[in-house]
N, C-alpha and C. Protein backbone atom coordinates (compact mmCIF):
# COMPACT_ATOMS: atom_id res chain seq x y z
N UNK A 1 183.87 -121.38 109.24
CA UNK A 1 185.68 -120.54 109.48
C UNK A 1 186.33 -120.94 108.55
N UNK A 2 186.94 -119.76 107.99
CA UNK A 2 188.05 -120.18 107.13
C UNK A 2 189.46 -120.91 107.81
N UNK A 3 190.38 -121.64 107.07
CA UNK A 3 191.71 -122.38 108.16
C UNK A 3 192.01 -121.35 108.60
N UNK A 4 192.33 -119.58 108.27
CA UNK A 4 192.82 -118.80 108.34
C UNK A 4 192.35 -118.38 109.82
N UNK A 5 191.20 -117.61 109.84
CA UNK A 5 190.60 -118.17 110.83
C UNK A 5 190.61 -118.83 112.07
N UNK A 6 190.28 -120.12 111.24
CA UNK A 6 190.87 -121.21 112.47
C UNK A 6 191.75 -121.38 113.55
N UNK A 7 193.25 -120.89 112.66
CA UNK A 7 194.32 -120.84 113.13
C UNK A 7 193.94 -119.74 114.14
N UNK A 8 194.02 -118.69 113.78
CA UNK A 8 193.87 -117.46 114.76
C UNK A 8 193.37 -117.60 115.99
N UNK A 9 192.08 -118.22 116.27
CA UNK A 9 191.58 -118.50 117.39
C UNK A 9 192.57 -119.79 117.71
N UNK A 10 193.15 -120.89 117.11
CA UNK A 10 193.68 -120.93 118.00
C UNK A 10 195.18 -120.64 118.75
N UNK A 11 195.85 -119.91 118.05
CA UNK A 11 196.55 -119.10 118.42
C UNK A 11 195.92 -118.25 119.60
N UNK A 12 194.92 -117.33 119.50
CA UNK A 12 194.22 -116.91 121.00
C UNK A 12 194.21 -117.49 122.24
N UNK A 13 193.52 -119.10 122.29
CA UNK A 13 193.19 -119.69 122.72
C UNK A 13 194.06 -120.44 123.62
N UNK A 14 195.37 -120.48 122.84
CA UNK A 14 197.06 -120.91 123.20
C UNK A 14 197.16 -119.74 124.43
N UNK A 15 197.44 -118.78 123.56
CA UNK A 15 197.89 -117.55 124.26
C UNK A 15 197.27 -117.49 125.36
N UNK A 16 195.61 -117.53 125.99
CA UNK A 16 195.32 -117.41 126.58
C UNK A 16 195.15 -118.13 127.84
N UNK A 17 195.42 -119.61 127.51
CA UNK A 17 195.94 -120.33 128.48
C UNK A 17 197.13 -120.43 129.16
N UNK A 18 198.08 -119.77 128.55
CA UNK A 18 199.65 -119.68 128.75
C UNK A 18 199.73 -118.04 129.69
N UNK A 19 198.72 -117.30 129.61
CA UNK A 19 198.69 -116.13 130.34
C UNK A 19 198.09 -116.72 131.67
N UNK A 20 196.74 -117.37 131.85
CA UNK A 20 196.19 -118.35 132.80
C UNK A 20 197.85 -118.92 133.81
N UNK A 21 198.33 -119.72 133.32
CA UNK A 21 198.80 -120.63 134.02
C UNK A 21 200.39 -119.97 134.28
N UNK A 22 200.80 -118.56 133.88
CA UNK A 22 201.69 -117.72 134.40
C UNK A 22 200.94 -116.90 135.58
N UNK A 23 199.95 -116.24 135.60
CA UNK A 23 198.85 -115.78 136.57
C UNK A 23 198.80 -116.82 137.90
N UNK A 24 198.36 -117.63 137.44
CA UNK A 24 198.12 -118.61 138.36
C UNK A 24 199.20 -119.41 139.44
N UNK A 25 199.94 -119.37 138.08
CA UNK A 25 201.06 -119.96 139.39
C UNK A 25 201.40 -119.01 140.18
N UNK A 26 202.10 -117.49 139.71
CA UNK A 26 202.80 -116.12 140.38
C UNK A 26 201.76 -115.90 141.77
N UNK A 27 200.20 -116.34 141.33
CA UNK A 27 199.08 -116.01 142.77
C UNK A 27 199.31 -117.10 143.86
N UNK A 28 199.90 -118.12 142.71
CA UNK A 28 200.10 -119.13 144.07
C UNK A 28 201.65 -119.26 144.74
N UNK A 29 202.61 -118.84 144.31
CA UNK A 29 203.62 -117.95 145.18
C UNK A 29 203.19 -117.15 145.89
N UNK A 30 202.47 -116.25 145.45
CA UNK A 30 202.83 -115.03 146.32
C UNK A 30 201.71 -115.74 147.29
N UNK A 31 200.71 -116.75 147.65
CA UNK A 31 199.27 -116.83 148.35
C UNK A 31 200.36 -118.05 149.17
N UNK A 32 201.60 -118.70 148.94
CA UNK A 32 202.17 -119.49 149.79
C UNK A 32 202.92 -118.82 150.72
N UNK A 33 203.37 -118.09 150.26
CA UNK A 33 204.45 -117.05 150.93
C UNK A 33 203.78 -116.18 152.30
N UNK A 34 202.71 -116.03 151.80
CA UNK A 34 202.18 -115.00 152.78
C UNK A 34 201.81 -113.89 152.15
N UNK A 35 202.54 -112.85 151.18
CA UNK A 35 202.54 -112.13 150.79
C UNK A 35 201.68 -111.19 149.70
N UNK A 36 199.99 -111.60 150.20
CA UNK A 36 199.32 -111.51 149.44
C UNK A 36 198.46 -110.62 150.00
N UNK A 37 198.46 -109.53 149.29
CA UNK A 37 197.85 -108.11 149.68
C UNK A 37 196.48 -107.87 148.75
N UNK A 38 195.16 -108.07 148.26
CA UNK A 38 194.59 -107.97 147.29
C UNK A 38 194.55 -106.35 146.81
N UNK A 39 194.68 -105.42 147.29
CA UNK A 39 194.71 -104.04 146.99
C UNK A 39 196.46 -104.35 146.16
N UNK A 40 197.76 -104.83 146.67
CA UNK A 40 198.79 -104.79 145.64
C UNK A 40 198.80 -105.35 144.53
N UNK A 41 197.69 -106.41 144.34
CA UNK A 41 197.24 -107.32 143.40
C UNK A 41 196.31 -106.47 142.43
N UNK A 42 195.76 -105.77 142.71
CA UNK A 42 194.51 -104.67 141.91
C UNK A 42 195.55 -103.83 141.33
N UNK A 43 196.25 -103.17 142.01
CA UNK A 43 197.62 -102.17 141.63
C UNK A 43 197.71 -102.29 140.39
N UNK A 44 198.69 -103.69 140.42
CA UNK A 44 200.02 -104.28 139.45
C UNK A 44 198.97 -104.46 138.67
N UNK A 45 197.75 -105.37 138.29
CA UNK A 45 197.10 -105.86 137.32
C UNK A 45 196.76 -104.73 136.61
N UNK A 46 196.41 -103.19 137.70
CA UNK A 46 195.71 -102.23 136.62
C UNK A 46 197.16 -101.31 136.12
N UNK A 47 197.91 -101.97 136.72
CA UNK A 47 198.73 -100.95 135.77
C UNK A 47 199.47 -101.06 134.47
N UNK A 48 199.62 -102.33 134.13
CA UNK A 48 199.58 -102.54 132.66
C UNK A 48 198.46 -102.25 131.58
N UNK A 49 197.28 -102.24 131.98
CA UNK A 49 196.24 -101.82 131.26
C UNK A 49 195.33 -100.38 131.37
N UNK A 50 196.63 -99.94 132.29
CA UNK A 50 196.64 -98.34 132.63
C UNK A 50 197.00 -97.61 131.27
N UNK A 51 198.58 -98.82 130.89
CA UNK A 51 199.68 -97.80 130.16
C UNK A 51 198.81 -98.16 128.97
N UNK A 52 198.49 -99.36 128.66
CA UNK A 52 197.87 -99.48 126.95
C UNK A 52 196.98 -99.06 126.81
N UNK A 53 195.96 -98.27 127.96
CA UNK A 53 194.93 -97.58 127.09
C UNK A 53 195.34 -95.98 126.85
N UNK A 54 196.71 -95.77 127.84
CA UNK A 54 197.04 -94.57 127.42
C UNK A 54 197.63 -94.41 126.11
N UNK A 55 198.57 -95.33 125.77
CA UNK A 55 199.16 -95.49 124.91
C UNK A 55 198.04 -95.66 123.96
N UNK A 56 196.87 -96.37 123.84
CA UNK A 56 195.63 -96.31 122.73
C UNK A 56 195.18 -94.92 122.75
N UNK A 57 195.12 -94.03 123.59
CA UNK A 57 194.59 -92.82 123.16
C UNK A 57 195.27 -91.77 122.92
N UNK A 58 196.60 -92.12 123.39
CA UNK A 58 197.60 -90.99 122.56
C UNK A 58 197.47 -91.11 121.05
N UNK A 59 197.87 -92.61 120.58
CA UNK A 59 197.64 -92.96 119.27
C UNK A 59 196.72 -92.39 118.53
N UNK A 60 195.85 -92.77 118.97
CA UNK A 60 194.15 -91.98 118.55
C UNK A 60 194.42 -90.69 118.20
N UNK A 61 195.02 -90.14 118.77
CA UNK A 61 194.80 -88.83 118.81
C UNK A 61 195.94 -88.15 118.01
N UNK A 62 196.94 -88.54 117.55
CA UNK A 62 197.65 -88.25 116.51
C UNK A 62 197.63 -88.58 115.54
N UNK A 63 196.70 -89.74 115.24
CA UNK A 63 196.04 -90.44 114.23
C UNK A 63 195.23 -89.29 113.33
N UNK A 64 194.17 -88.87 114.78
CA UNK A 64 193.25 -87.59 114.17
C UNK A 64 193.80 -86.34 113.45
N UNK A 65 194.84 -85.98 114.39
CA UNK A 65 195.46 -84.38 114.44
C UNK A 65 196.28 -84.58 113.22
N UNK A 66 197.01 -85.61 112.36
CA UNK A 66 197.05 -86.44 111.46
C UNK A 66 195.83 -86.10 110.50
N UNK A 67 195.35 -87.08 110.55
CA UNK A 67 193.73 -86.49 109.63
C UNK A 67 193.26 -85.17 109.73
N UNK A 68 193.17 -83.93 110.58
CA UNK A 68 192.54 -82.62 110.71
C UNK A 68 193.94 -81.93 110.08
N UNK A 69 195.23 -82.45 109.94
CA UNK A 69 196.24 -81.30 109.33
C UNK A 69 195.62 -81.00 107.78
N UNK A 70 195.61 -79.46 107.79
CA UNK A 70 195.52 -78.76 106.37
C UNK A 70 196.07 -78.66 105.02
N UNK A 71 196.27 -79.51 104.65
CA UNK A 71 197.29 -79.21 103.13
C UNK A 71 196.75 -78.65 101.99
N UNK A 72 197.03 -78.02 101.98
CA UNK A 72 196.69 -77.17 100.36
C UNK A 72 197.92 -77.39 99.16
N UNK A 73 197.59 -77.59 97.98
CA UNK A 73 197.93 -77.73 96.64
C UNK A 73 197.93 -76.60 95.73
N UNK A 74 198.66 -75.97 95.17
CA UNK A 74 198.50 -74.88 94.50
C UNK A 74 199.49 -75.06 93.11
N UNK A 75 198.95 -75.79 92.14
CA UNK A 75 198.98 -75.60 90.87
C UNK A 75 198.77 -75.01 89.67
N UNK A 76 199.89 -74.62 88.95
CA UNK A 76 199.82 -73.58 87.78
C UNK A 76 200.54 -74.49 86.91
N UNK A 77 199.30 -74.18 85.72
CA UNK A 77 199.34 -74.87 84.64
C UNK A 77 199.07 -74.13 83.12
N UNK A 78 200.31 -74.19 82.23
CA UNK A 78 200.01 -73.42 80.46
C UNK A 78 200.29 -74.36 80.22
N UNK A 79 199.01 -74.43 78.92
CA UNK A 79 198.95 -75.18 77.97
C UNK A 79 197.77 -76.64 77.99
N UNK A 80 197.33 -77.16 77.06
CA UNK A 80 196.63 -78.49 77.19
C UNK A 80 196.84 -79.18 79.29
N UNK A 81 196.26 -79.99 79.28
CA UNK A 81 196.47 -80.33 80.55
C UNK A 81 195.80 -81.77 80.68
N UNK A 82 195.78 -83.03 81.04
CA UNK A 82 194.99 -84.52 81.40
C UNK A 82 195.64 -84.53 82.79
N UNK A 83 194.60 -84.86 83.28
CA UNK A 83 194.68 -85.30 84.89
C UNK A 83 194.15 -87.01 84.40
N UNK A 84 195.32 -87.57 85.39
CA UNK A 84 194.84 -89.06 85.54
C UNK A 84 195.21 -89.51 86.87
N UNK A 85 194.33 -89.98 87.74
CA UNK A 85 194.47 -90.75 88.87
C UNK A 85 194.29 -92.23 89.15
N UNK A 86 195.25 -92.93 89.48
CA UNK A 86 194.44 -94.43 89.89
C UNK A 86 195.14 -94.50 90.96
N UNK A 87 194.30 -95.13 91.60
CA UNK A 87 194.38 -95.49 92.95
C UNK A 87 194.36 -97.53 93.13
N UNK A 88 195.28 -98.01 93.80
CA UNK A 88 195.26 -99.40 93.94
C UNK A 88 194.89 -99.71 95.53
N UNK A 89 194.06 -100.19 96.12
CA UNK A 89 193.80 -100.80 97.64
C UNK A 89 194.10 -102.59 97.69
N UNK A 90 194.66 -102.24 98.51
CA UNK A 90 194.74 -104.07 99.52
C UNK A 90 194.64 -103.68 100.53
N UNK A 91 193.98 -104.42 101.41
CA UNK A 91 193.71 -104.62 102.46
C UNK A 91 194.39 -106.25 103.15
N UNK A 92 195.35 -105.78 104.33
CA UNK A 92 196.07 -106.82 105.22
C UNK A 92 196.23 -107.17 106.35
N UNK A 93 195.96 -107.92 106.89
CA UNK A 93 196.40 -108.06 108.35
C UNK A 93 195.15 -108.44 109.21
N UNK A 94 195.42 -108.77 110.56
CA UNK A 94 194.45 -109.52 110.95
C UNK A 94 193.22 -108.28 111.76
N UNK A 95 193.37 -107.18 111.36
CA UNK A 95 192.38 -106.04 111.52
C UNK A 95 192.31 -105.32 111.11
N UNK A 96 192.09 -105.95 109.67
CA UNK A 96 191.93 -105.01 108.40
C UNK A 96 192.70 -103.48 108.15
N UNK A 97 194.26 -103.92 108.13
CA UNK A 97 194.82 -102.81 107.65
C UNK A 97 194.83 -101.87 106.21
N UNK A 98 194.16 -101.16 106.06
CA UNK A 98 193.74 -100.95 104.31
C UNK A 98 194.37 -100.09 104.03
N UNK A 99 195.67 -100.08 102.83
CA UNK A 99 196.60 -99.41 102.07
C UNK A 99 196.24 -98.76 100.79
N UNK A 100 196.02 -97.44 100.49
CA UNK A 100 195.82 -96.91 99.43
C UNK A 100 197.29 -96.59 98.78
N UNK A 101 197.68 -96.55 97.54
CA UNK A 101 198.65 -96.84 96.76
C UNK A 101 198.08 -96.10 95.82
N UNK A 102 198.64 -94.96 95.49
CA UNK A 102 198.73 -93.86 94.14
C UNK A 102 199.69 -94.26 93.25
N UNK A 103 199.18 -94.50 92.03
CA UNK A 103 200.17 -94.76 90.81
C UNK A 103 199.78 -95.54 89.84
């Protein structure tokens, strides 16, 4: 594993430990107060997950709509024409976002 991958793994593990401790502390406080209702906890836990899934679906739909947009270019030239296209590609980020730059 590269050093970058090892650092990312350590960050994810420490984040999961932090989330576990916060969730465990909240559960312990609710249990000791006697206010624990499993159905309410399940609904409360499912709410943020549903929100994230809905936002992801919306973003995916917007991305597909943008990709399906029909763009049409009409160029009219007179005289000799030289066409030269140069594309520079760079990939960055944890999830491999690729950006293509013309020019």
